[in-house]
Amino acid sequence: MIVQNNHSVRSQRELNAVKAMIRLYCKTLHRGAIICPECESLIEYVEERVSGCRLGEDKPSCSHCIGHCYQSAKRLQMIHVLRWTFPRYLWRHPIRALQFKLDNLHSAQMSAGKAEIFTKTG
């Protein structure tokens, strides 16, 4: 795997999984051999936001992030795409889908631990 951004391998794996899910969503619902401009712009938006995340190496998965980088409309669109696509992605790429879920669970535990630290000290 070639790491395209300056974040961790886990972050890159999450980005690759999300891009694959958007492509699957577009191919299935928009019924095109190539990706439509709307989905292509969503992929570019996600890449831009993940690569420009201010948390850097400490970045949790986007679903468990404390300060979201996405605009509300794009975040709702991503939630819709991921909820629709994940069961199909699980069927087509079971290992990558499980890695995606495990990364999200690990990230949730890390962010919960950080939240406890902030509440105890403040």
PDB file of N, CA and C in Angstrom:
ATOM      1  N   MET A   1       0.850  -1.176   0.000  1.00  0.00           N
ATOM      2  CA  MET A   1       0.000   0.000   0.000  1.00  0.00           C
ATOM      3  C   MET A   1       0.891   1.233   0.000  1.00  0.00           C
ATOM      4  N   ILE A   2       0.590   2.148  -0.880  1.00  0.00           N
ATOM      5  CA  ILE A   2       1.325   3.398  -0.970  1.00  0.00           C
ATOM      6  C   ILE A   2       0.580   4.443  -0.157  1.00  0.00           C
ATOM      7  N   VAL A   3       1.261   5.021   0.828  1.00  0.00           N
ATOM      8  CA  VAL A   3       0.642   6.038   1.675  1.00  0.00           C
ATOM      9  C   VAL A   3       0.690   7.362   0.928  1.00  0.00           C
ATOM     10  N   GLN A   4      -0.488   7.948   0.677  1.00  0.00           N
ATOM     11  CA  GLN A   4      -0.575   9.159  -0.113  1.00  0.00           C
ATOM     12  C   GLN A   4      -0.623  10.419   0.727  1.00  0.00           C
ATOM     13  N   ASN A   5      -0.839  10.293   2.015  1.00  0.00           N
ATOM     14  CA  ASN A   5      -0.865  11.483   2.851  1.00  0.00           C
ATOM     15  C   ASN A   5       0.123  11.304   3.985  1.00  0.00           C
ATOM     16  N   ASN A   6       0.247  12.318   4.821  1.00  0.00           N
ATOM     17  CA  ASN A   6       1.240  12.270   5.885  1.00  0.00           C
ATOM     18  C   ASN A   6       0.678  11.698   7.177  1.00  0.00           C
ATOM     19  N   HIS A   7      -0.450  11.012   7.127  1.00  0.00           N
ATOM     20  CA  HIS A   7      -1.056  10.438   8.309  1.00  0.00           C
ATOM     21  C   HIS A   7      -0.701   8.959   8.419  1.00  0.00           C
ATOM     22  N   SER A   8      -1.259   8.309   9.386  1.00  0.00           N
ATOM     23  CA  SER A   8      -0.934   6.924   9.665  1.00  0.00           C
ATOM     24  C   SER A   8      -1.470   5.988   8.586  1.00  0.00           C
ATOM     25  N   VAL A   9      -0.998   4.760   8.637  1.00  0.00           N
ATOM     26  CA  VAL A   9      -1.462   3.731   7.716  1.00  0.00           C
ATOM     27  C   VAL A   9      -2.941   3.453   7.956  1.00  0.00           C
ATOM     28  N   ARG A  10      -3.378   3.509   9.217  1.00  0.00           N
ATOM     29  CA  ARG A  10      -4.789   3.298   9.538  1.00  0.00           C
ATOM     30  C   ARG A  10      -5.652   4.358   8.868  1.00  0.00           C
ATOM     31  N   SER A  11      -5.198   5.585   8.905  1.00  0.00           N
ATOM     32  CA  SER A  11      -5.936   6.680   8.277  1.00  0.00           C
ATOM     33  C   SER A  11      -6.002   6.487   6.763  1.00  0.00           C
ATOM     34  N   GLN A  12      -4.897   6.047   6.174  1.00  0.00           N
ATOM     35  CA  GLN A  12      -4.875   5.794   4.732  1.00  0.00           C
ATOM     36  C   GLN A  12      -5.787   4.626   4.381  1.00  0.00           C
ATOM     37  N   ARG A  13      -5.800   3.595   5.223  1.00  0.00           N
ATOM     38  CA  ARG A  13      -6.673   2.443   4.994  1.00  0.00           C
ATOM     39  C   ARG A  13      -8.134   2.872   5.068  1.00  0.00           C
ATOM     40  N   GLU A  14      -8.460   3.752   6.015  1.00  0.00           N
ATOM     41  CA  GLU A  14      -9.826   4.275   6.118  1.00  0.00           C
ATOM     42  C   GLU A  14     -10.191   5.072   4.870  1.00  0.00           C
ATOM     43  N   LEU A  15      -9.289   5.902   4.398  1.00  0.00           N
ATOM     44  CA  LEU A  15      -9.536   6.705   3.204  1.00  0.00           C
ATOM     45  C   LEU A  15      -9.764   5.808   1.995  1.00  0.00           C
ATOM     46  N   ASN A  16      -8.932   4.783   1.821  1.00  0.00           N
ATOM     47  CA  ASN A  16      -9.098   3.867   0.691  1.00  0.00           C
ATOM     48  C   ASN A  16     -10.427   3.130   0.761  1.00  0.00           C
ATOM     49  N   ALA A  17     -10.841   2.713   1.952  1.00  0.00           N
ATOM     50  CA  ALA A  17     -12.115   2.013   2.112  1.00  0.00           C
ATOM     51  C   ALA A  17     -13.279   2.933   1.786  1.00  0.00           C
ATOM     52  N   VAL A  18     -13.226   4.172   2.250  1.00  0.00           N
ATOM     53  CA  VAL A  18     -14.312   5.119   1.982  1.00  0.00           C
ATOM     54  C   VAL A  18     -14.393   5.414   0.490  1.00  0.00           C
ATOM     55  N   LYS A  19     -13.251   5.583  -0.174  1.00  0.00           N
ATOM     56  CA  LYS A  19     -13.262   5.819  -1.614  1.00  0.00           C
ATOM     57  C   LYS A  19     -13.845   4.622  -2.359  1.00  0.00           C
ATOM     58  N   ALA A  20     -13.500   3.419  -1.935  1.00  0.00           N
ATOM     59  CA  ALA A  20     -14.051   2.219  -2.573  1.00  0.00           C
ATOM     60  C   ALA A  20     -15.557   2.125  -2.352  1.00  0.00           C
ATOM     61  N   MET A  21     -16.024   2.515  -1.164  1.00  0.00           N
ATOM     62  CA  MET A  21     -17.457   2.480  -0.887  1.00  0.00           C
ATOM     63  C   MET A  21     -18.204   3.515  -1.732  1.00  0.00           C
ATOM     64  N   ILE A  22     -17.629   4.681  -1.916  1.00  0.00           N
ATOM     65  CA  ILE A  22     -18.271   5.703  -2.757  1.00  0.00           C
ATOM     66  C   ILE A  22     -18.347   5.206  -4.197  1.00  0.00           C
ATOM     67  N   ARG A  23     -17.285   4.571  -4.679  1.00  0.00           N
ATOM     68  CA  ARG A  23     -17.301   4.024  -6.047  1.00  0.00           C
ATOM     69  C   ARG A  23     -18.369   2.947  -6.193  1.00  0.00           C
ATOM     70  N   LEU A  24     -18.488   2.077  -5.193  1.00  0.00           N
ATOM     71  CA  LEU A  24     -19.504   1.028  -5.222  1.00  0.00           C
ATOM     72  C   LEU A  24     -20.902   1.643  -5.221  1.00  0.00           C
ATOM     73  N   TYR A  25     -21.100   2.641  -4.407  1.00  0.00           N
ATOM     74  CA  TYR A  25     -22.382   3.355  -4.337  1.00  0.00           C
ATOM     75  C   TYR A  25     -22.738   3.940  -5.701  1.00  0.00           C
ATOM     76  N   CYS A  26     -21.779   4.609  -6.319  1.00  0.00           N
ATOM     77  CA  CYS A  26     -22.013   5.253  -7.605  1.00  0.00           C
ATOM     78  C   CYS A  26     -22.276   4.212  -8.692  1.00  0.00           C
ATOM     79  N   LYS A  27     -21.471   3.175  -8.718  1.00  0.00           N
ATOM     80  CA  LYS A  27     -21.622   2.141  -9.745  1.00  0.00           C
ATOM     81  C   LYS A  27     -22.981   1.459  -9.634  1.00  0.00           C
ATOM     82  N   THR A  28     -23.457   1.243  -8.415  1.00  0.00           N
ATOM     83  CA  THR A  28     -24.717   0.535  -8.220  1.00  0.00           C
ATOM     84  C   THR A  28     -25.925   1.439  -8.424  1.00  0.00           C
ATOM     85  N   LEU A  29     -25.939   2.594  -7.794  1.00  0.00           N
ATOM     86  CA  LEU A  29     -27.126   3.452  -7.860  1.00  0.00           C
ATOM     87  C   LEU A  29     -27.164   4.379  -9.066  1.00  0.00           C
ATOM     88  N   HIS A  30     -26.026   4.851  -9.494  1.00  0.00           N
ATOM     89  CA  HIS A  30     -26.001   5.770 -10.627  1.00  0.00           C
ATOM     90  C   HIS A  30     -25.786   5.031 -11.943  1.00  0.00           C
ATOM     91  N   ARG A  31     -25.573   3.741 -11.860  1.00  0.00           N
ATOM     92  CA  ARG A  31     -25.514   2.810 -12.985  1.00  0.00           C
ATOM     93  C   ARG A  31     -24.604   3.266 -14.125  1.00  0.00           C
ATOM     94  N   GLY A  32     -23.421   3.638 -13.803  1.00  0.00           N
ATOM     95  CA  GLY A  32     -22.475   4.048 -14.827  1.00  0.00           C
ATOM     96  C   GLY A  32     -21.218   3.205 -14.788  1.00  0.00           C
ATOM     97  N   ALA A  33     -20.590   3.063 -15.935  1.00  0.00           N
ATOM     98  CA  ALA A  33     -19.324   2.344 -15.994  1.00  0.00           C
ATOM     99  C   ALA A  33     -18.208   3.184 -15.383  1.00  0.00           C
ATOM    100  N   ILE A  34     -18.368   4.500 -15.499  1.00  0.00           N
ATOM    101  CA  ILE A  34     -17.399   5.400 -14.871  1.00  0.00           C
ATOM    102  C   ILE A  34     -18.103   6.148 -13.752  1.00  0.00           C
ATOM    103  N   ILE A  35     -17.322   6.691 -12.864  1.00  0.00           N
ATOM    104  CA  ILE A  35     -17.887   7.379 -11.706  1.00  0.00           C
ATOM    105  C   ILE A  35     -18.470   8.734 -12.150  1.00  0.00           C
ATOM    106  N   CYS A  36     -19.619   9.078 -11.599  1.00  0.00           N
ATOM    107  CA  CYS A  36     -20.300  10.318 -11.983  1.00  0.00           C
ATOM    108  C   CYS A  36     -19.585  11.524 -11.358  1.00  0.00           C
ATOM    109  N   PRO A  37     -19.811  12.716 -11.915  1.00  0.00           N
ATOM    110  CA  PRO A  37     -19.139  13.917 -11.385  1.00  0.00           C
ATOM    111  C   PRO A  37     -19.484  14.208  -9.926  1.00  0.00           C
ATOM    112  N   GLU A  38     -20.711  13.925  -9.505  1.00  0.00           N
ATOM    113  CA  GLU A  38     -21.107  14.176  -8.115  1.00  0.00           C
ATOM    114  C   GLU A  38     -20.301  13.299  -7.156  1.00  0.00           C
ATOM    115  N   CYS A  39     -20.184  12.030  -7.472  1.00  0.00           N
ATOM    116  CA  CYS A  39     -19.430  11.115  -6.605  1.00  0.00           C
ATOM    117  C   CYS A  39     -17.934  11.396  -6.692  1.00  0.00           C
ATOM    118  N   GLU A  40     -17.463  11.788  -7.860  1.00  0.00           N
ATOM    119  CA  GLU A  40     -16.049  12.151  -8.000  1.00  0.00           C
ATOM    120  C   GLU A  40     -15.722  13.372  -7.139  1.00  0.00           C
ATOM    121  N   SER A  41     -16.636  14.341  -7.107  1.00  0.00           N
ATOM    122  CA  SER A  41     -16.390  15.523  -6.273  1.00  0.00           C
ATOM    123  C   SER A  41     -16.447  15.158  -4.789  1.00  0.00           C
ATOM    124  N   LEU A  42     -17.298  14.185  -4.422  1.00  0.00           N
ATOM    125  CA  LEU A  42     -17.347  13.724  -3.029  1.00  0.00           C
ATOM    126  C   LEU A  42     -16.032  13.055  -2.634  1.00  0.00           C
ATOM    127  N   ILE A  43     -15.467  12.242  -3.526  1.00  0.00           N
ATOM    128  CA  ILE A  43     -14.176  11.599  -3.256  1.00  0.00           C
ATOM    129  C   ILE A  43     -13.088  12.660  -3.087  1.00  0.00           C
ATOM    130  N   GLU A  44     -13.065  13.647  -3.960  1.00  0.00           N
ATOM    131  CA  GLU A  44     -12.062  14.716  -3.858  1.00  0.00           C
ATOM    132  C   GLU A  44     -12.228  15.490  -2.557  1.00  0.00           C
ATOM    133  N   TYR A  45     -13.472  15.739  -2.163  1.00  0.00           N
ATOM    134  CA  TYR A  45     -13.745  16.455  -0.916  1.00  0.00           C
ATOM    135  C   TYR A  45     -13.224  15.663   0.285  1.00  0.00           C
ATOM    136  N   VAL A  46     -13.487  14.358   0.294  1.00  0.00           N
ATOM    137  CA  VAL A  46     -13.041  13.507   1.394  1.00  0.00           C
ATOM    138  C   VAL A  46     -11.514  13.479   1.454  1.00  0.00           C
ATOM    139  N   GLU A  47     -10.868  13.321   0.300  1.00  0.00           N
ATOM    140  CA  GLU A  47      -9.401  13.308   0.273  1.00  0.00           C
ATOM    141  C   GLU A  47      -8.827  14.617   0.795  1.00  0.00           C
ATOM    142  N   GLU A  48      -9.432  15.722   0.368  1.00  0.00           N
ATOM    143  CA  GLU A  48      -8.961  17.040   0.801  1.00  0.00           C
ATOM    144  C   GLU A  48      -9.100  17.210   2.311  1.00  0.00           C
ATOM    145  N   ARG A  49     -10.228  16.804   2.863  1.00  0.00           N
ATOM    146  CA  ARG A  49     -10.476  16.968   4.291  1.00  0.00           C
ATOM    147  C   ARG A  49      -9.598  16.051   5.139  1.00  0.00           C
ATOM    148  N   VAL A  50      -9.405  14.818   4.692  1.00  0.00           N
ATOM    149  CA  VAL A  50      -8.576  13.888   5.465  1.00  0.00           C
ATOM    150  C   VAL A  50      -7.115  14.319   5.415  1.00  0.00           C
ATOM    151  N   SER A  51      -6.641  14.729   4.244  1.00  0.00           N
ATOM    152  CA  SER A  51      -5.234  15.131   4.144  1.00  0.00           C
ATOM    153  C   SER A  51      -4.963  16.435   4.891  1.00  0.00           C
ATOM    154  N   GLY A  52      -5.978  17.285   5.033  1.00  0.00           N
ATOM    155  CA  GLY A  52      -5.787  18.558   5.726  1.00  0.00           C
ATOM    156  C   GLY A  52      -6.250  18.551   7.167  1.00  0.00           C
ATOM    157  N   CYS A  53      -6.453  17.371   7.741  1.00  0.00           N
ATOM    158  CA  CYS A  53      -6.953  17.287   9.118  1.00  0.00           C
ATOM    159  C   CYS A  53      -5.939  17.891  10.085  1.00  0.00           C
ATOM    160  N   ARG A  54      -6.437  18.704  10.979  1.00  0.00           N
ATOM    161  CA  ARG A  54      -5.547  19.403  11.912  1.00  0.00           C
ATOM    162  C   ARG A  54      -5.035  18.508  13.039  1.00  0.00           C
ATOM    163  N   LEU A  55      -5.620  17.323  13.210  1.00  0.00           N
ATOM    164  CA  LEU A  55      -5.200  16.444  14.295  1.00  0.00           C
ATOM    165  C   LEU A  55      -3.966  15.617  13.957  1.00  0.00           C
ATOM    166  N   GLY A  56      -3.637  15.499  12.680  1.00  0.00           N
ATOM    167  CA  GLY A  56      -2.417  14.821  12.255  1.00  0.00           C
ATOM    168  C   GLY A  56      -2.355  13.363  12.674  1.00  0.00           C
ATOM    169  N   GLU A  57      -1.284  12.983  13.344  1.00  0.00           N
ATOM    170  CA  GLU A  57      -1.063  11.598  13.744  1.00  0.00           C
ATOM    171  C   GLU A  57      -2.065  11.110  14.783  1.00  0.00           C
ATOM    172  N   ASP A  58      -2.638  12.007  15.568  1.00  0.00           N
ATOM    173  CA  ASP A  58      -3.598  11.629  16.604  1.00  0.00           C
ATOM    174  C   ASP A  58      -5.024  11.555  16.071  1.00  0.00           C
ATOM    175  N   LYS A  59      -5.174  11.574  14.755  1.00  0.00           N
ATOM    176  CA  LYS A  59      -6.494  11.612  14.139  1.00  0.00           C
ATOM    177  C   LYS A  59      -7.252  10.308  14.384  1.00  0.00           C
ATOM    178  N   PRO A  60      -8.440  10.402  14.993  1.00  0.00           N
ATOM    179  CA  PRO A  60      -9.296   9.217  15.087  1.00  0.00           C
ATOM    180  C   PRO A  60     -10.015   9.024  13.757  1.00  0.00           C
ATOM    181  N   SER A  61     -10.815   7.982  13.644  1.00  0.00           N
ATOM    182  CA  SER A  61     -11.605   7.837  12.428  1.00  0.00           C
ATOM    183  C   SER A  61     -12.596   8.999  12.379  1.00  0.00           C
ATOM    184  N   CYS A  62     -12.998   9.356  11.188  1.00  0.00           N
ATOM    185  CA  CYS A  62     -13.845  10.544  11.014  1.00  0.00           C
ATOM    186  C   CYS A  62     -15.176  10.418  11.743  1.00  0.00           C
ATOM    187  N   SER A  63     -15.682   9.200  11.883  1.00  0.00           N
ATOM    188  CA  SER A  63     -16.972   9.039  12.556  1.00  0.00           C
ATOM    189  C   SER A  63     -16.871   9.279  14.058  1.00  0.00           C
ATOM    190  N   HIS A  64     -15.675   9.203  14.630  1.00  0.00           N
ATOM    191  CA  HIS A  64     -15.493   9.398  16.070  1.00  0.00           C
ATOM    192  C   HIS A  64     -14.687  10.647  16.397  1.00  0.00           C
ATOM    193  N   CYS A  65     -14.539  11.507  15.439  1.00  0.00           N
ATOM    194  CA  CYS A  65     -13.743  12.711  15.644  1.00  0.00           C
ATOM    195  C   CYS A  65     -14.521  13.724  16.488  1.00  0.00           C
ATOM    196  N   ILE A  66     -13.810  14.437  17.338  1.00  0.00           N
ATOM    197  CA  ILE A  66     -14.432  15.430  18.219  1.00  0.00           C
ATOM    198  C   ILE A  66     -14.847  16.663  17.413  1.00  0.00           C
ATOM    199  N   GLY A  67     -13.967  17.166  16.573  1.00  0.00           N
ATOM    200  CA  GLY A  67     -14.270  18.326  15.738  1.00  0.00           C
ATOM    201  C   GLY A  67     -14.332  17.912  14.281  1.00  0.00           C
ATOM    202  N   HIS A  68     -15.515  17.865  13.730  1.00  0.00           N
ATOM    203  CA  HIS A  68     -15.664  17.380  12.364  1.00  0.00           C
ATOM    204  C   HIS A  68     -15.136  18.390  11.355  1.00  0.00           C
ATOM    205  N   CYS A  69     -14.433  17.881  10.344  1.00  0.00           N
ATOM    206  CA  CYS A  69     -13.895  18.715   9.273  1.00  0.00           C
ATOM    207  C   CYS A  69     -14.918  18.915   8.162  1.00  0.00           C
ATOM    208  N   TYR A  70     -15.879  17.999   8.048  1.00  0.00           N
ATOM    209  CA  TYR A  70     -16.842  18.036   6.953  1.00  0.00           C
ATOM    210  C   TYR A  70     -17.917  19.081   7.213  1.00  0.00           C
ATOM    211  N   GLN A  71     -18.416  19.677   6.138  1.00  0.00           N
ATOM    212  CA  GLN A  71     -19.589  20.532   6.237  1.00  0.00           C
ATOM    213  C   GLN A  71     -20.779  19.638   6.558  1.00  0.00           C
ATOM    214  N   SER A  72     -21.813  20.193   7.169  1.00  0.00           N
ATOM    215  CA  SER A  72     -22.931  19.347   7.601  1.00  0.00           C
ATOM    216  C   SER A  72     -23.596  18.611   6.447  1.00  0.00           C
ATOM    217  N   ALA A  73     -23.773  19.250   5.307  1.00  0.00           N
ATOM    218  CA  ALA A  73     -24.418  18.590   4.173  1.00  0.00           C
ATOM    219  C   ALA A  73     -23.570  17.433   3.661  1.00  0.00           C
ATOM    220  N   LYS A  74     -22.272  17.641   3.586  1.00  0.00           N
ATOM    221  CA  LYS A  74     -21.372  16.579   3.120  1.00  0.00           C
ATOM    222  C   LYS A  74     -21.308  15.447   4.140  1.00  0.00           C
ATOM    223  N   ARG A  75     -21.341  15.785   5.416  1.00  0.00           N
ATOM    224  CA  ARG A  75     -21.320  14.753   6.451  1.00  0.00           C
ATOM    225  C   ARG A  75     -22.575  13.887   6.374  1.00  0.00           C
ATOM    226  N   LEU A  76     -23.728  14.507   6.176  1.00  0.00           N
ATOM    227  CA  LEU A  76     -24.968  13.746   6.024  1.00  0.00           C
ATOM    228  C   LEU A  76     -24.942  12.884   4.766  1.00  0.00           C
ATOM    229  N   GLN A  77     -24.370  13.423   3.694  1.00  0.00           N
ATOM    230  CA  GLN A  77     -24.245  12.652   2.464  1.00  0.00           C
ATOM    231  C   GLN A  77     -23.332  11.446   2.669  1.00  0.00           C
ATOM    232  N   MET A  78     -22.231  11.647   3.388  1.00  0.00           N
ATOM    233  CA  MET A  78     -21.307  10.530   3.658  1.00  0.00           C
ATOM    234  C   MET A  78     -21.965   9.483   4.548  1.00  0.00           C
ATOM    235  N   ILE A  79     -22.728   9.910   5.544  1.00  0.00           N
ATOM    236  CA  ILE A  79     -23.427   8.957   6.413  1.00  0.00           C
ATOM    237  C   ILE A  79     -24.382   8.116   5.576  1.00  0.00           C
ATOM    238  N   HIS A  80     -25.112   8.761   4.683  1.00  0.00           N
ATOM    239  CA  HIS A  80     -26.045   8.039   3.815  1.00  0.00           C
ATOM    240  C   HIS A  80     -25.305   7.032   2.929  1.00  0.00           C
ATOM    241  N   VAL A  81     -24.226   7.476   2.301  1.00  0.00           N
ATOM    242  CA  VAL A  81     -23.459   6.606   1.407  1.00  0.00           C
ATOM    243  C   VAL A  81     -22.892   5.418   2.178  1.00  0.00           C
ATOM    244  N   LEU A  82     -22.294   5.669   3.339  1.00  0.00           N
ATOM    245  CA  LEU A  82     -21.668   4.585   4.097  1.00  0.00           C
ATOM    246  C   LEU A  82     -22.698   3.607   4.658  1.00  0.00           C
ATOM    247  N   ARG A  83     -23.837   4.109   5.113  1.00  0.00           N
ATOM    248  CA  ARG A  83     -24.875   3.203   5.627  1.00  0.00           C
ATOM    249  C   ARG A  83     -25.434   2.318   4.524  1.00  0.00           C
ATOM    250  N   TRP A  84     -25.598   2.866   3.339  1.00  0.00           N
ATOM    251  CA  TRP A  84     -26.126   2.077   2.236  1.00  0.00           C
ATOM    252  C   TRP A  84     -25.090   1.086   1.736  1.00  0.00           C
ATOM    253  N   THR A  85     -23.824   1.505   1.681  1.00  0.00           N
ATOM    254  CA  THR A  85     -22.791   0.720   1.027  1.00  0.00           C
ATOM    255  C   THR A  85     -22.169  -0.340   1.916  1.00  0.00           C
ATOM    256  N   PHE A  86     -22.067  -0.112   3.216  1.00  0.00           N
ATOM    257  CA  PHE A  86     -21.276  -1.022   4.050  1.00  0.00           C
ATOM    258  C   PHE A  86     -21.724  -2.489   3.974  1.00  0.00           C
ATOM    259  N   PRO A  87     -23.018  -2.824   4.030  1.00  0.00           N
ATOM    260  CA  PRO A  87     -23.376  -4.250   3.915  1.00  0.00           C
ATOM    261  C   PRO A  87     -22.942  -4.859   2.583  1.00  0.00           C
ATOM    262  N   ARG A  88     -23.023  -4.108   1.513  1.00  0.00           N
ATOM    263  CA  ARG A  88     -22.592  -4.596   0.204  1.00  0.00           C
ATOM    264  C   ARG A  88     -21.077  -4.696   0.134  1.00  0.00           C
ATOM    265  N   TYR A  89     -20.400  -3.737   0.732  1.00  0.00           N
ATOM    266  CA  TYR A  89     -18.933  -3.747   0.786  1.00  0.00           C
ATOM    267  C   TYR A  89     -18.450  -4.933   1.620  1.00  0.00           C
ATOM    268  N   LEU A  90     -19.155  -5.219   2.704  1.00  0.00           N
ATOM    269  CA  LEU A  90     -18.822  -6.363   3.549  1.00  0.00           C
ATOM    270  C   LEU A  90     -18.913  -7.658   2.762  1.00  0.00           C
ATOM    271  N   TRP A  91     -19.903  -7.750   1.898  1.00  0.00           N
ATOM    272  CA  TRP A  91     -20.081  -8.950   1.095  1.00  0.00           C
ATOM    273  C   TRP A  91     -18.994  -9.084   0.030  1.00  0.00           C
ATOM    274  N   ARG A  92     -18.602  -7.974  -0.585  1.00  0.00           N
ATOM    275  CA  ARG A  92     -17.626  -8.010  -1.677  1.00  0.00           C
ATOM    276  C   ARG A  92     -16.174  -8.009  -1.202  1.00  0.00           C
ATOM    277  N   HIS A  93     -15.899  -7.321  -0.117  1.00  0.00           N
ATOM    278  CA  HIS A  93     -14.527  -7.208   0.407  1.00  0.00           C
ATOM    279  C   HIS A  93     -14.558  -7.452   1.915  1.00  0.00           C
ATOM    280  N   PRO A  94     -14.761  -8.689   2.348  1.00  0.00           N
ATOM    281  CA  PRO A  94     -14.968  -8.929   3.778  1.00  0.00           C
ATOM    282  C   PRO A  94     -13.776  -8.545   4.661  1.00  0.00           C
ATOM    283  N   ILE A  95     -12.571  -8.805   4.220  1.00  0.00           N
ATOM    284  CA  ILE A  95     -11.404  -8.503   5.058  1.00  0.00           C
ATOM    285  C   ILE A  95     -11.220  -6.997   5.190  1.00  0.00           C
ATOM    286  N   ARG A  96     -11.324  -6.272   4.081  1.00  0.00           N
ATOM    287  CA  ARG A  96     -11.172  -4.814   4.138  1.00  0.00           C
ATOM    288  C   ARG A  96     -12.293  -4.178   4.943  1.00  0.00           C
ATOM    289  N   ALA A  97     -13.504  -4.718   4.839  1.00  0.00           N
ATOM    290  CA  ALA A  97     -14.631  -4.178   5.606  1.00  0.00           C
ATOM    291  C   ALA A  97     -14.432  -4.415   7.101  1.00  0.00           C
ATOM    292  N   LEU A  98     -13.935  -5.585   7.473  1.00  0.00           N
ATOM    293  CA  LEU A  98     -13.673  -5.863   8.891  1.00  0.00           C
ATOM    294  C   LEU A  98     -12.547  -4.994   9.428  1.00  0.00           C
ATOM    295  N   GLN A  99     -11.521  -4.760   8.613  1.00  0.00           N
ATOM    296  CA  GLN A  99     -10.448  -3.851   9.034  1.00  0.00           C
ATOM    297  C   GLN A  99     -11.003  -2.451   9.262  1.00  0.00           C
ATOM    298  N   PHE A 100     -11.894  -2.010   8.382  1.00  0.00           N
ATOM    299  CA  PHE A 100     -12.520  -0.699   8.507  1.00  0.00           C
ATOM    300  C   PHE A 100     -13.295  -0.610   9.817  1.00  0.00           C
ATOM    301  N   LYS A 101     -14.090  -1.640  10.138  1.00  0.00           N
ATOM    302  CA  LYS A 101     -14.872  -1.641  11.380  1.00  0.00           C
ATOM    303  C   LYS A 101     -13.967  -1.717  12.604  1.00  0.00           C
ATOM    304  N   LEU A 102     -12.936  -2.549  12.557  1.00  0.00           N
ATOM    305  CA  LEU A 102     -12.009  -2.661  13.691  1.00  0.00           C
ATOM    306  C   LEU A 102     -11.268  -1.344  13.917  1.00  0.00           C
ATOM    307  N   ASP A 103     -10.873  -0.687  12.834  1.00  0.00           N
ATOM    308  CA  ASP A 103     -10.225   0.622  12.969  1.00  0.00           C
ATOM    309  C   ASP A 103     -11.171   1.625  13.618  1.00  0.00           C
ATOM    310  N   ASN A 104     -12.453   1.580  13.222  1.00  0.00           N
ATOM    311  CA  ASN A 104     -13.442   2.483  13.827  1.00  0.00           C
ATOM    312  C   ASN A 104     -13.635   2.176  15.304  1.00  0.00           C
ATOM    313  N   LEU A 105     -13.682   0.888  15.675  1.00  0.00           N
ATOM    314  CA  LEU A 105     -13.833   0.521  17.089  1.00  0.00           C
ATOM    315  C   LEU A 105     -12.616   0.946  17.899  1.00  0.00           C
ATOM    316  N   HIS A 106     -11.438   0.715  17.344  1.00  0.00           N
ATOM    317  CA  HIS A 106     -10.205   1.118  18.029  1.00  0.00           C
ATOM    318  C   HIS A 106     -10.175   2.636  18.203  1.00  0.00           C
ATOM    319  N   SER A 107     -10.592   3.343  17.176  1.00  0.00           N
ATOM    320  CA  SER A 107     -10.625   4.796  17.232  1.00  0.00           C
ATOM    321  C   SER A 107     -11.634   5.285  18.267  1.00  0.00           C
ATOM    322  N   ALA A 108     -12.761   4.601  18.372  1.00  0.00           N
ATOM    323  CA  ALA A 108     -13.779   4.982  19.360  1.00  0.00           C
ATOM    324  C   ALA A 108     -13.241   4.807  20.774  1.00  0.00           C
ATOM    325  N   GLN A 109     -12.501   3.739  21.003  1.00  0.00           N
ATOM    326  CA  GLN A 109     -11.922   3.512  22.326  1.00  0.00           C
ATOM    327  C   GLN A 109     -10.869   4.572  22.639  1.00  0.00           C
ATOM    328  N   MET A 110     -10.069   4.944  21.633  1.00  0.00           N
ATOM    329  CA  MET A 110      -9.047   5.965  21.855  1.00  0.00           C
ATOM    330  C   MET A 110      -9.690   7.312  22.163  1.00  0.00           C
ATOM    331  N   SER A 111     -10.727   7.673  21.415  1.00  0.00           N
ATOM    332  CA  SER A 111     -11.359   8.973  21.648  1.00  0.00           C
ATOM    333  C   SER A 111     -12.122   8.987  22.968  1.00  0.00           C
ATOM    334  N   ALA A 112     -12.669   7.845  23.402  1.00  0.00           N
ATOM    335  CA  ALA A 112     -13.341   7.778  24.702  1.00  0.00           C
ATOM    336  C   ALA A 112     -12.319   7.949  25.822  1.00  0.00           C
ATOM    337  N   GLY A 113     -11.135   7.374  25.649  1.00  0.00           N
ATOM    338  CA  GLY A 113     -10.088   7.533  26.647  1.00  0.00           C
ATOM    339  C   GLY A 113      -9.622   8.970  26.743  1.00  0.00           C
ATOM    340  N   LYS A 114      -9.524   9.655  25.610  1.00  0.00           N
ATOM    341  CA  LYS A 114      -9.126  11.064  25.618  1.00  0.00           C
ATOM    342  C   LYS A 114     -10.202  11.924  26.255  1.00  0.00           C
ATOM    343  N   ALA A 115     -11.467  11.587  26.030  1.00  0.00           N
ATOM    344  CA  ALA A 115     -12.562  12.354  26.632  1.00  0.00           C
ATOM    345  C   ALA A 115     -12.529  12.220  28.152  1.00  0.00           C
ATOM    346  N   GLU A 116     -12.201  11.011  28.649  1.00  0.00           N
ATOM    347  CA  GLU A 116     -12.097  10.810  30.093  1.00  0.00           C
ATOM    348  C   GLU A 116     -10.973  11.661  30.678  1.00  0.00           C
ATOM    349  N   ILE A 117      -9.864  11.743  29.963  1.00  0.00           N
ATOM    350  CA  ILE A 117      -8.730  12.539  30.440  1.00  0.00           C
ATOM    351  C   ILE A 117      -9.120  14.005  30.544  1.00  0.00           C
ATOM    352  N   PHE A 118      -9.850  14.505  29.528  1.00  0.00           N
ATOM    353  CA  PHE A 118     -10.247  15.903  29.528  1.00  0.00           C
ATOM    354  C   PHE A 118     -11.240  16.196  30.660  1.00  0.00           C
ATOM    355  N   THR A 119     -12.136  15.278  30.948  1.00  0.00           N
ATOM    356  CA  THR A 119     -13.127  15.538  32.003  1.00  0.00           C
ATOM    357  C   THR A 119     -12.511  15.428  33.385  1.00  0.00           C
ATOM    358  N   LYS A 120     -11.508  14.585  33.566  1.00  0.00           N
ATOM    359  CA  LYS A 120     -10.875  14.448  34.874  1.00  0.00           C
ATOM    360  C   LYS A 120      -9.999  15.644  35.204  1.00  0.00           C
ATOM    361  N   THR A 121      -9.323  16.201  34.191  1.00  0.00           N
ATOM    362  CA  THR A 121      -8.418  17.307  34.469  1.00  0.00           C
ATOM    363  C   THR A 121      -9.151  18.634  34.543  1.00  0.00           C
ATOM    364  N   GLY A 122     -10.309  18.734  33.879  1.00  0.00           N
ATOM    365  CA  GLY A 122     -10.999  20.029  33.823  1.00  0.00           C
ATOM    366  C   GLY A 122     -12.032  20.115  34.817  1.00  0.00           C
TER     367      GLY A 122
END
